[in-house]
Protein backbone atom coordinates (compact mmCIF):
# COMPACT_ATOMS: atom_id res chain seq x y z
CA MET A 1 -19.26 -4.80 -0.42
CA GLN A 2 -22.33 -6.64 -1.76
CA LEU A 3 -24.40 -4.73 -4.33
CA ASP A 4 -27.74 -5.02 -2.53
CA GLN A 5 -26.16 -3.70 0.66
CA LEU A 6 -24.60 -0.79 -1.25
CA ILE A 7 -27.90 0.42 -2.68
CA ALA A 8 -30.21 -0.40 0.29
CA GLY A 9 -32.56 2.42 1.18
CA THR A 10 -31.85 4.50 -1.94
CA GLU A 11 -34.10 5.29 -4.88
CA ILE A 12 -31.92 3.11 -7.08
CA HIS A 13 -33.83 0.37 -8.93
CA LEU A 14 -32.08 -2.97 -9.59
CA ALA A 15 -33.30 -4.25 -12.98
CA THR A 16 -31.52 -7.56 -12.58
CA PRO A 17 -32.43 -8.91 -9.10
CA ALA A 18 -30.62 -12.18 -9.73
CA LEU A 19 -27.33 -10.28 -9.53
CA ALA A 20 -28.10 -8.50 -6.22
CA ALA A 21 -25.32 -10.42 -4.45
CA ALA A 22 -22.62 -9.21 -6.85
CA ARG A 23 -19.44 -8.26 -5.00
CA ILE A 24 -18.38 -4.66 -5.63
CA CYS A 25 -14.67 -4.11 -5.27
CA ASP A 26 -14.40 -0.66 -6.88
CA ILE A 27 -16.57 2.26 -7.95
CA THR A 28 -15.74 4.54 -10.93
CA GLU A 29 -17.30 6.93 -13.44
CA ASP A 30 -14.45 6.56 -15.95
CA SER A 31 -14.77 3.49 -18.20
CA ARG A 32 -10.99 3.56 -18.74
CA THR A 33 -10.38 2.78 -15.06
CA VAL A 34 -12.86 -0.10 -14.79
CA VAL A 35 -11.40 -3.30 -13.33
CA PRO A 36 -13.11 -6.69 -12.77
CA GLY A 37 -15.58 -6.21 -9.96
CA SER A 38 -16.25 -2.49 -10.61
CA LEU A 39 -19.50 -0.61 -10.34
CA PHE A 40 -19.51 1.74 -13.39
CA ILE A 41 -21.55 4.84 -12.94
CA ALA A 42 -22.69 6.21 -16.34
CA ARG A 43 -23.89 9.79 -16.14
CA LYS A 44 -24.38 12.47 -18.72
CA GLY A 45 -21.97 15.41 -18.56
CA LEU A 46 -21.92 18.72 -20.34
CA LYS A 47 -20.05 17.39 -23.42
CA PHE A 48 -20.08 13.59 -23.12
CA ASP A 49 -22.49 10.89 -22.08
CA ALA A 50 -20.81 8.08 -20.23
CA CYS A 51 -23.68 5.77 -21.18
CA ASP A 52 -22.01 5.52 -24.56
CA HIS A 53 -19.15 3.66 -22.84
CA ILE A 54 -21.24 1.06 -21.00
CA PRO A 55 -20.23 -1.80 -23.38
CA GLU A 56 -16.56 -0.87 -22.90
CA ALA A 57 -17.02 -0.90 -19.12
CA ILE A 58 -18.65 -4.37 -19.23
CA ASP A 59 -15.91 -5.66 -21.45
CA ARG A 60 -13.37 -4.46 -18.87
CA GLY A 61 -15.10 -6.46 -16.10
CA ALA A 62 -17.76 -4.15 -14.60
CA VAL A 63 -20.17 -6.32 -12.56
CA ALA A 64 -22.77 -3.54 -12.18
CA VAL A 65 -23.77 -0.33 -14.07
CA LEU A 66 -25.73 2.60 -12.74
CA CYS A 67 -27.42 4.82 -15.33
CA ARG A 68 -30.57 6.77 -16.14
CA PRO A 69 -33.89 4.90 -16.44
CA ASP A 70 -34.20 5.66 -20.17
CA VAL A 71 -30.92 4.02 -21.11
CA GLN A 72 -31.38 0.81 -23.05
CA ARG A 73 -29.39 -1.96 -21.47
CA PRO A 74 -27.68 -4.58 -23.62
CA THR A 75 -29.13 -8.06 -23.30
CA PRO A 76 -27.90 -10.49 -22.38
CA SER A 77 -25.37 -8.87 -20.05
CA PRO A 78 -23.17 -10.31 -17.34
CA ALA A 79 -23.45 -7.03 -15.39
CA ALA A 80 -26.23 -5.99 -13.01
CA PHE A 81 -28.11 -2.93 -14.23
CA LEU A 82 -29.20 -0.18 -11.88
CA SER A 83 -31.25 2.92 -12.70
CA SER A 84 -31.76 6.17 -10.80
CA PRO A 85 -33.83 9.30 -11.43
CA ASP A 86 -30.86 11.31 -10.06
CA VAL A 87 -27.60 9.60 -10.97
CA PRO A 88 -25.23 12.37 -9.69
CA ARG A 89 -26.95 12.43 -6.28
CA ASP A 90 -26.89 8.66 -5.92
CA GLN A 91 -23.31 8.53 -7.13
CA ALA A 92 -22.34 10.74 -4.16
CA ILE A 93 -24.37 8.55 -1.75
CA LEU A 94 -22.80 5.32 -3.09
CA ALA A 95 -19.30 6.75 -2.92
CA GLU A 96 -19.76 7.62 0.72
CA ARG A 97 -21.11 4.11 1.48
CA PHE A 98 -18.37 2.37 -0.48
CA PHE A 99 -15.67 4.13 1.51
CA ASN A 100 -17.54 3.48 4.78
CA SER A 101 -18.94 6.93 5.38
CA PRO A 102 -15.70 8.92 5.90
CA ALA A 103 -17.50 12.30 5.99
CA SER A 104 -19.28 11.30 9.21
CA ALA A 105 -15.93 10.89 10.93
CA LEU A 106 -14.77 14.41 10.09
CA SER A 107 -15.81 17.97 10.79
CA LEU A 108 -16.40 19.41 7.34
CA VAL A 109 -16.10 23.00 6.29
CA GLY A 110 -17.39 24.09 2.87
CA VAL A 111 -16.32 27.37 1.27
CA THR A 112 -18.22 28.85 -1.68
CA GLY A 113 -18.33 32.20 -3.52
CA THR A 114 -16.94 33.70 -6.71
CA ASN A 115 -13.59 34.92 -5.40
CA GLY A 116 -11.55 34.20 -2.32
CA LYS A 117 -12.53 30.56 -1.88
CA THR A 118 -9.02 29.21 -2.34
CA THR A 119 -7.41 31.72 0.00
CA VAL A 120 -10.01 31.21 2.75
CA CYS A 121 -9.53 27.43 2.45
CA HIS A 122 -5.75 27.71 2.61
CA PHE A 123 -5.83 30.10 5.59
CA LEU A 124 -8.30 27.85 7.48
CA HIS A 125 -6.29 24.75 6.59
CA GLN A 126 -3.21 26.41 8.09
CA LEU A 127 -5.05 27.54 11.23
CA LEU A 128 -6.55 24.05 11.83
CA ASN A 129 -3.11 22.44 11.39
CA TYR A 130 -1.34 24.70 13.87
CA PRO A 131 0.65 23.39 15.74
CA ARG A 132 -0.08 19.80 14.53
CA LYS A 133 -1.65 18.17 11.43
CA ARG A 134 -5.34 17.45 11.88
CA ALA A 135 -7.04 18.76 8.79
CA GLY A 136 -7.14 17.90 5.09
CA LEU A 137 -7.89 20.13 2.14
CA ILE A 138 -9.72 19.69 -1.14
CA GLY A 139 -9.50 22.73 -3.43
CA THR A 140 -8.41 24.48 -6.59
CA VAL A 141 -4.69 24.36 -5.97
CA CYS A 142 -4.19 21.00 -4.30
CA ILE A 143 -5.71 18.06 -2.46
CA ASP A 144 -4.11 17.23 0.88
CA ASP A 145 -5.60 13.88 1.86
CA ALA A 146 -2.85 12.85 4.35
CA ILE A 147 -1.34 10.49 1.79
CA GLU A 148 0.07 13.27 -0.37
CA CYS A 149 -0.49 16.91 -1.27
CA ALA A 150 -1.25 16.57 -5.01
CA ASP A 151 -2.02 19.18 -7.62
CA ALA A 152 -5.75 19.54 -8.25
CA THR A 153 -7.39 19.49 -11.67
CA LEU A 154 -10.77 20.90 -10.64
CA THR A 155 -11.91 23.31 -7.93
CA THR A 156 -14.09 20.53 -6.57
CA PRO A 157 -13.45 16.99 -7.83
CA GLY A 158 -16.06 14.36 -8.48
CA SER A 159 -17.91 12.74 -5.58
CA ILE A 160 -15.97 9.46 -5.81
CA GLU A 161 -12.64 11.28 -5.56
CA ILE A 162 -13.98 13.36 -2.68
CA SER A 163 -15.08 10.40 -0.64
CA HIS A 164 -11.83 8.57 -1.36
CA ALA A 165 -9.84 11.57 -0.15
CA LEU A 166 -11.98 11.92 2.96
CA ALA A 167 -11.44 8.20 3.70
CA ASN A 168 -7.66 8.77 3.56
CA MET A 169 -8.01 11.65 5.95
CA ARG A 170 -10.10 9.62 8.36
CA ASP A 171 -7.68 6.71 8.23
CA ALA A 172 -4.82 9.13 9.07
CA ALA A 173 -6.74 10.25 12.17
CA TYR A 174 -7.49 13.68 10.76
CA THR A 175 -10.40 15.40 12.47
CA HIS A 176 -11.30 18.10 9.93
CA ALA A 177 -11.57 18.62 6.18
CA VAL A 178 -11.79 21.95 4.32
CA ILE A 179 -13.56 21.70 0.95
CA GLU A 180 -13.75 24.35 -1.73
CA ALA A 181 -17.25 24.17 -3.17
CA SER A 182 -17.65 25.48 -6.71
CA SER A 183 -21.04 26.44 -8.10
CA HIS A 184 -20.65 23.71 -10.74
CA ALA A 185 -20.00 21.07 -8.08
CA LEU A 186 -22.99 22.17 -6.02
CA ALA A 187 -25.30 22.24 -9.02
CA GLN A 188 -24.02 18.91 -10.23
CA ARG A 189 -24.60 17.23 -6.80
CA ARG A 190 -20.96 16.29 -6.30
CA LEU A 191 -21.29 17.20 -2.62
CA ALA A 192 -24.81 15.79 -2.16
CA ALA A 193 -23.84 13.14 0.41
CA LEU A 194 -21.93 15.52 2.70
CA ARG A 195 -23.18 17.47 5.68
CA PHE A 196 -21.12 20.48 6.66
CA ASP A 197 -20.36 21.63 10.17
CA ALA A 198 -19.49 25.09 8.89
CA ALA A 199 -20.24 26.82 5.62
CA ILE A 200 -18.59 30.00 4.35
CA PHE A 201 -19.80 32.42 1.65
CA THR A 202 -17.18 34.83 0.36
CA ASN A 203 -18.90 36.94 -2.34
CA LEU A 204 -20.90 36.76 -5.56
CA THR A 205 -19.87 38.58 -8.73
CA GLY A 206 -20.28 37.93 -12.46
CA GLU A 207 -18.71 34.59 -13.39
CA HIS A 208 -19.74 31.29 -14.99
CA LEU A 209 -22.83 32.81 -16.54
CA ASP A 210 -22.22 30.71 -19.65
CA TYR A 211 -23.18 27.77 -17.40
CA HIS A 212 -25.67 29.23 -14.94
CA ASN A 213 -27.43 31.58 -17.42
CA SER A 214 -28.24 34.26 -14.82
CA MET A 215 -26.95 35.75 -11.58
CA ASP A 216 -30.03 34.46 -9.77
CA GLU A 217 -29.36 30.90 -10.96
CA TYR A 218 -25.69 31.30 -10.02
CA ALA A 219 -26.69 32.48 -6.53
CA ARG A 220 -29.09 29.56 -6.11
CA ALA A 221 -26.26 27.17 -6.88
CA LYS A 222 -24.07 28.78 -4.19
CA SER A 223 -26.94 28.62 -1.65
CA ILE A 224 -27.07 24.82 -1.92
CA LEU A 225 -24.07 24.64 0.41
CA PHE A 226 -26.15 26.14 3.21
CA THR A 227 -29.00 23.68 2.74
CA GLN A 228 -26.51 20.82 3.13
CA SER A 229 -25.25 21.91 6.49
CA ALA A 230 -25.63 19.68 9.55
CA PRO A 231 -28.16 20.75 12.27
CA GLY A 232 -26.61 23.59 14.27
CA ALA A 233 -23.86 24.19 11.79
CA THR A 234 -22.33 27.66 11.63
CA ALA A 235 -22.79 29.81 8.52
CA ILE A 236 -20.13 32.47 8.00
CA ILE A 237 -21.07 35.10 5.48
CA ASN A 238 -19.50 38.25 4.05
CA ALA A 239 -22.07 40.83 5.18
CA ASP A 240 -20.50 43.38 2.78
CA ASP A 241 -21.83 41.40 -0.18
CA PRO A 242 -25.46 42.31 -1.12
CA ARG A 243 -26.31 38.66 -1.92
CA ALA A 244 -25.05 37.24 1.36
CA ARG A 245 -28.34 37.23 3.29
CA ASP A 246 -30.23 35.69 0.37
CA ILE A 247 -27.72 32.88 -0.04
CA ALA A 248 -27.90 32.03 3.68
CA ALA A 249 -31.64 32.76 3.92
CA ASN A 250 -32.48 29.42 5.53
CA VAL A 251 -29.86 29.75 8.28
CA LEU A 252 -31.16 30.54 11.78
CA ASP A 253 -29.77 33.73 13.28
CA GLU A 254 -28.19 31.88 16.18
CA ASN A 255 -26.16 29.84 13.68
CA LEU A 256 -24.99 32.83 11.66
CA LEU A 257 -21.67 34.73 11.93
CA THR A 258 -21.57 37.88 9.79
CA CYS A 259 -18.23 39.38 8.75
CA SER A 260 -17.59 42.95 7.64
CA LEU A 261 -14.74 45.32 6.92
CA GLU A 262 -17.08 48.33 6.87
CA PRO A 263 -16.99 50.35 10.15
CA THR A 264 -20.68 51.28 9.81
CA THR A 265 -21.94 47.76 9.08
CA PRO A 266 -23.24 45.86 12.11
CA ALA A 267 -21.49 42.46 12.14
CA ASP A 268 -20.43 39.69 14.45
CA CYS A 269 -16.86 39.71 13.15
CA THR A 270 -14.90 42.75 12.00
CA ALA A 271 -11.38 43.51 10.85
CA ARG A 272 -9.19 46.44 9.98
CA ILE A 273 -5.70 47.12 8.75
CA ILE A 274 -3.67 49.07 11.29
CA GLU A 275 -0.52 49.48 9.23
CA HIS A 276 0.94 48.09 6.00
CA ARG A 277 4.70 47.93 5.59
CA PRO A 278 5.74 46.71 2.12
CA HIS A 279 9.16 45.15 1.86
CA ALA A 280 11.51 44.62 -1.05
CA GLN A 281 10.81 41.87 -3.57
CA GLY A 282 7.10 41.92 -2.89
CA ALA A 283 7.24 40.69 0.72
CA ALA A 284 4.68 42.27 3.01
CA CYS A 285 4.10 42.83 6.67
CA THR A 286 0.66 44.02 7.62
CA GLU A 287 -0.55 44.67 11.14
CA ILE A 288 -4.27 43.79 11.45
CA GLU A 289 -6.95 43.72 14.08
CA LEU A 290 -9.63 40.99 14.14
CA THR A 291 -12.63 41.32 16.45
CA GLY A 292 -15.33 38.73 17.03
CA PRO A 293 -16.71 36.22 19.52
CA TRP A 294 -13.10 35.28 20.23
CA GLY A 295 -12.32 38.79 21.48
CA THR A 296 -9.82 41.07 19.75
CA ILE A 297 -6.58 39.80 18.18
CA THR A 298 -3.90 42.22 16.95
CA GLN A 299 -1.21 40.55 14.90
CA SER A 300 1.24 40.96 12.04
CA VAL A 301 0.61 38.89 8.91
CA ARG A 302 2.52 38.23 5.67
CA PHE A 303 -0.04 39.41 3.12
CA PHE A 304 -1.73 42.65 2.17
CA GLY A 305 -4.96 43.96 0.65
CA ALA A 306 -8.51 44.38 1.96
CA HIS A 307 -9.73 41.28 0.11
CA ASN A 308 -7.17 39.13 1.86
CA LEU A 309 -8.14 40.73 5.20
CA MET A 310 -11.70 39.52 4.63
CA ASN A 311 -10.40 36.08 3.63
CA CYS A 312 -8.45 35.96 6.87
CA LEU A 313 -11.39 37.16 8.97
CA GLN A 314 -13.66 34.46 7.59
CA ALA A 315 -11.04 31.77 8.13
CA VAL A 316 -10.59 32.92 11.75
CA ALA A 317 -14.36 32.96 12.27
CA ALA A 318 -14.55 29.40 10.99
CA ALA A 319 -11.65 28.29 13.22
CA HIS A 320 -13.41 29.80 16.17
CA ALA A 321 -16.68 28.00 15.23
CA LEU A 322 -14.72 24.75 15.20
CA ALA A 323 -13.56 25.40 18.79
CA ILE A 324 -9.95 26.41 17.98
CA ASP A 325 -8.95 28.57 20.96
CA PRO A 326 -8.01 32.24 20.44
CA ALA A 327 -4.42 31.72 21.70
CA THR A 328 -3.80 29.14 18.98
CA ILE A 329 -5.32 31.39 16.32
CA ASP A 330 -3.19 34.31 17.52
CA ALA A 331 -0.01 32.21 17.42
CA ALA A 332 -0.78 30.85 13.95
CA LEU A 333 -1.56 34.15 12.20
CA PRO A 334 2.06 35.36 11.63
CA ASP A 335 2.84 32.16 9.74
CA LEU A 336 -0.20 32.28 7.40
CA HIS A 337 0.81 32.39 3.74
CA LEU A 338 -1.20 32.90 0.61
CA PRO A 339 -1.73 29.93 -1.70
CA PRO A 340 0.42 29.67 -4.83
CA GLY A 341 -0.59 32.10 -7.54
CA ARG A 342 -2.36 34.55 -5.23
CA LEU A 343 -0.32 37.78 -5.18
CA GLU A 344 2.69 35.47 -5.34
CA PRO A 345 5.92 37.49 -5.41
CA ILE A 346 8.38 36.30 -8.10
CA THR A 347 11.98 36.54 -7.05
CA ILE A 348 15.43 35.34 -8.04
CA PRO A 349 17.35 33.56 -5.26
CA ASP A 350 20.20 35.70 -3.92
CA THR A 351 19.51 38.37 -6.57
CA PRO A 352 17.38 41.25 -5.25
CA THR A 353 15.97 43.46 -8.03
CA PRO A 354 14.50 46.96 -7.94
CA ILE A 355 11.26 45.87 -9.64
CA ARG A 356 8.54 43.85 -7.99
CA VAL A 357 6.71 41.11 -9.92
CA PHE A 358 3.52 39.36 -8.79
CA VAL A 359 1.56 36.48 -10.27
CA ASP A 360 -2.12 36.36 -9.41
CA TYR A 361 -5.07 34.12 -10.40
CA ALA A 362 -7.49 37.08 -10.78
CA HIS A 363 -9.47 36.36 -13.91
CA THR A 364 -12.76 38.17 -13.27
CA ASP A 365 -13.41 41.88 -13.20
CA ASP A 366 -14.17 41.79 -9.46
CA ALA A 367 -11.04 39.81 -8.63
CA LEU A 368 -8.89 42.09 -10.76
CA ASP A 369 -10.32 45.14 -9.03
CA LYS A 370 -9.63 43.73 -5.59
CA THR A 371 -6.10 42.59 -6.47
CA LEU A 372 -5.14 45.84 -8.19
CA SER A 373 -6.66 47.85 -5.32
CA ALA A 374 -4.48 45.88 -2.93
CA VAL A 375 -1.33 46.53 -4.96
CA LYS A 376 -1.78 50.25 -5.65
CA PRO A 377 -1.10 51.56 -2.11
CA THR A 378 2.26 49.79 -2.18
CA LEU A 379 3.51 51.35 -5.42
CA ARG A 380 6.68 53.36 -5.71
CA GLY A 381 6.68 53.56 -9.51
CA LYS A 382 4.46 52.52 -12.41
CA LEU A 383 2.05 49.59 -12.35
CA HIS A 384 2.40 47.32 -15.42
CA VAL A 385 -0.49 44.83 -15.83
CA CYS A 386 -0.32 41.81 -18.08
CA PHE A 387 -3.73 40.15 -18.29
CA GLY A 388 -6.07 38.21 -20.54
CA CYS A 389 -9.32 36.25 -20.53
CA GLY A 390 -10.21 32.64 -21.29
CA GLY A 391 -11.83 31.21 -24.40
CA ASP A 392 -15.11 29.28 -24.66
CA ARG A 393 -16.21 30.95 -21.43
CA ASP A 394 -18.36 33.83 -20.14
CA LYS A 395 -17.58 36.48 -22.76
CA GLU A 396 -19.38 39.30 -20.91
CA LYS A 397 -16.58 39.60 -18.36
CA ARG A 398 -13.94 40.36 -20.99
CA PRO A 399 -14.80 44.08 -21.53
CA ARG A 400 -15.60 44.44 -17.80
CA SER A 401 -12.14 43.12 -16.94
CA ALA A 402 -10.52 45.49 -19.40
CA ALA A 403 -12.34 48.48 -17.91
CA VAL A 404 -11.12 47.58 -14.42
CA VAL A 405 -7.52 47.28 -15.53
CA CYS A 406 -7.70 50.63 -17.31
CA ASN A 407 -8.81 52.23 -14.03
CA HIS A 408 -5.70 51.03 -12.20
CA ALA A 409 -2.78 50.37 -14.55
CA ASP A 410 -0.14 52.71 -15.89
CA GLU A 411 0.84 50.28 -18.66
CA ILE A 412 -1.28 47.43 -20.07
CA ILE A 413 -0.25 44.36 -22.02
CA VAL A 414 -3.20 42.26 -23.34
CA THR A 415 -2.83 38.54 -23.89
CA VAL A 416 -5.00 35.43 -23.39
CA ASN A 417 -5.34 32.97 -20.51
CA ASP A 418 -6.53 29.61 -21.86
CA ALA A 419 -7.97 30.11 -25.35
CA HIS A 420 -9.30 26.53 -25.48
CA THR A 421 -10.94 26.19 -28.93
CA GLU A 422 -11.51 29.92 -29.46
CA SER A 423 -9.36 32.15 -31.57
CA PRO A 424 -7.07 34.34 -29.42
CA SER A 425 -7.75 37.27 -31.69
CA SER A 426 -11.50 36.95 -30.90
CA ILE A 427 -10.78 37.00 -27.18
CA ILE A 428 -8.52 40.02 -27.48
CA LYS A 429 -11.11 41.84 -29.58
CA ASP A 430 -13.71 41.44 -26.82
CA ILE A 431 -11.17 42.68 -24.26
CA LEU A 432 -10.32 45.80 -26.27
CA ALA A 433 -14.02 46.59 -26.55
CA GLY A 434 -14.03 47.47 -22.82
CA MET A 435 -11.20 50.01 -23.19
CA SER A 436 -11.46 53.70 -23.97
CA PRO A 437 -10.15 54.78 -27.41
CA GLN A 438 -7.02 56.15 -25.73
CA TRP A 439 -6.27 52.86 -24.04
CA GLN A 440 -7.01 50.89 -27.21
CA GLN A 441 -4.20 52.84 -28.83
CA ARG A 442 -1.82 52.59 -25.84
CA ALA A 443 -2.32 48.97 -24.77
CA GLU A 444 0.15 46.46 -26.26
CA ILE A 445 -1.10 43.18 -27.56
CA TYR A 446 0.77 39.85 -27.34
CA PRO A 447 -1.43 36.80 -28.09
CA ASP A 448 1.53 34.60 -27.09
CA ARG A 449 1.34 34.64 -23.28
CA ALA A 450 5.06 33.92 -22.71
CA ALA A 451 6.00 36.77 -25.03
CA ALA A 452 3.55 39.03 -23.22
CA ILE A 453 5.10 38.26 -19.81
CA HIS A 454 8.65 38.74 -21.09
CA HIS A 455 7.70 42.07 -22.72
CA THR A 456 5.90 43.30 -19.58
CA ILE A 457 8.82 42.65 -17.30
CA ALA A 458 11.41 43.89 -19.81
CA SER A 459 9.51 47.19 -20.03
CA ALA A 460 9.65 47.86 -16.29
CA GLU A 461 11.95 50.47 -14.85
CA PRO A 462 13.56 50.40 -11.38
CA GLY A 463 10.88 51.00 -8.76
CA ASP A 464 8.04 49.68 -10.96
CA THR A 465 5.59 46.88 -10.12
CA VAL A 466 4.43 44.17 -12.54
CA LEU A 467 1.23 42.15 -12.04
CA ILE A 468 0.64 39.08 -14.29
CA ALA A 469 -3.00 38.12 -13.85
CA GLY A 470 -5.25 35.36 -15.01
CA LYS A 471 -3.66 31.93 -14.48
CA GLY A 472 -1.95 32.08 -11.08
CA HIS A 473 -0.88 28.63 -9.90
CA GLU A 474 -1.87 26.78 -13.12
CA LYS A 475 0.76 24.75 -14.92
CA ILE A 476 -1.02 24.00 -18.19
CA GLN A 477 -2.26 26.25 -20.98
CA PHE A 478 -5.06 25.18 -23.35
CA LEU A 479 -4.83 26.46 -26.94
CA PRO A 480 -6.79 25.82 -30.14
CA ASP A 481 -5.36 23.02 -32.28
CA GLY A 482 -6.48 24.61 -35.58
CA THR A 483 -9.12 21.92 -36.30
CA GLY A 484 -11.80 22.95 -33.81
CA GLY A 485 -10.27 21.15 -30.84
CA GLN A 486 -7.65 22.08 -28.29
CA ILE A 487 -4.18 21.10 -27.18
CA SER A 488 -2.53 21.51 -23.78
CA ILE A 489 1.03 22.64 -23.20
CA PRO A 490 3.08 22.92 -19.99
CA PHE A 491 2.93 26.58 -18.94
CA SER A 492 3.53 28.36 -15.65
CA ASP A 493 3.21 32.14 -15.29
CA ALA A 494 5.59 31.96 -12.31
CA ASP A 495 8.28 30.08 -14.22
CA VAL A 496 8.03 32.32 -17.28
CA ALA A 497 8.08 35.44 -15.10
CA ARG A 498 11.11 34.18 -13.19
CA ASP A 499 13.02 33.66 -16.47
CA ALA A 500 12.00 37.14 -17.61
CA LEU A 501 13.10 38.64 -14.29
CA LYS A 502 16.50 36.93 -14.66
CA ALA A 503 16.79 38.47 -18.16
CA TRP A 504 15.86 41.88 -16.69
CA ALA A 505 18.50 41.55 -13.97
CA ALA A 506 21.13 40.54 -16.51
CA ALA A 507 20.27 43.64 -18.60
CA HIS A 508 20.49 45.90 -15.53
CA PRO A 509 23.60 44.65 -13.70
CA ASP A 510 24.11 47.88 -11.74
CA SER A 511 20.55 48.34 -10.49
CA GLU A 512 19.93 48.76 -6.82
CA PRO A 513 17.47 46.40 -5.03
CA ALA A 514 14.11 47.72 -4.04
CA GLN A 515 13.72 49.06 -0.54
């Protein structure tokens, strides 16, 4: 694509008009991936300023550079220089143009909120793909762009990666895309070029306040999703959350679907658990009832917990808004499964054990409360909770998380999630501050996460349940390197827990499987 065609109609200023006809063959924000013919987009991030890498990008063959107006361009330069008052916004616009507007060829659903985004996205993705593939997914756990289903590194990737993925979906004749929209991505304009046909708000609780500074600022970031909806788009909100109406304040009533689990709350869509039947090894069968514009559906599903019931209800409401017929939704519900790391049961093939072990991503006080509240009604013995918090992040949630765990657990093992550059002992100190003096004496401390998981499972007795919270599906752990930086190591809660469960089974050869 020719440069002047790519930027036509935008607020981008071309400082070198003589190079307007430059041919753009690639677009990137990473100087390491620049190839001859690239447009290099240099924007300032939280820790690094890509403008520092403009000379490197030009040396690698960039034919154009987009940056802030105040950046001094090198002269002479073989590359065309572009400036924008809002580089992140224009990056998103240029990415869509470069890939020939893939978003306009798809029905887009955006899901935002503190907790539940990933599960709602995965449930909706499964509903839209029943009985045939027609929807892609961009989220925390994976990106399914029709080419492959690859592990994700961010909840919401950069705008170039988003548009590239949407282009792959369009080219594969997909009709829908489900996108998990983090508050960071919304505030940083990564989704600025997209218009959503449905937008879902799950809930708002304390998280990311180290970035957003206040709950009001955090809520405003979430509300951006609803200002980017297409005319007539459906907004699906959790009416049980006190911030829901504010976040969707600009949505017309006729475009709003409210969801509630509270019998006394007026709502367009409601749900209730009829019966929960826990099975051995953590498997679950829950009979639920979902009522809304689609009528009433009564079905058995393979998950449990009120928070997952709300996740399911919002996914069904979105599927209905996208014209998926009730019979298809009804038929798809029994096959819905939670995403990896969300109340994921850990088992040993062909070796039933009398203890249940779950891995869950819950890493905020609200998420821990919902997850532990879901597990408690299924208990037959003690509940052992292994949890931690992350470093270099919102420290205020550490004591809050501890207080929640103390309210639910019978045994507590404190560890860390990703310490990043922070001392594990500092993180653990903040966690312990949220515990009563009695729990501070009782709780066991294992800064090494693998050792914590092994000890938690080894301590369980037949009939007990173990919950390992904080990292869920993640396969990397970030730890301080001792010099102020961080290192990353391969680490999977599920893999470590499975090894620990095998050791438990070997130490209890005569134990009876759970019923």
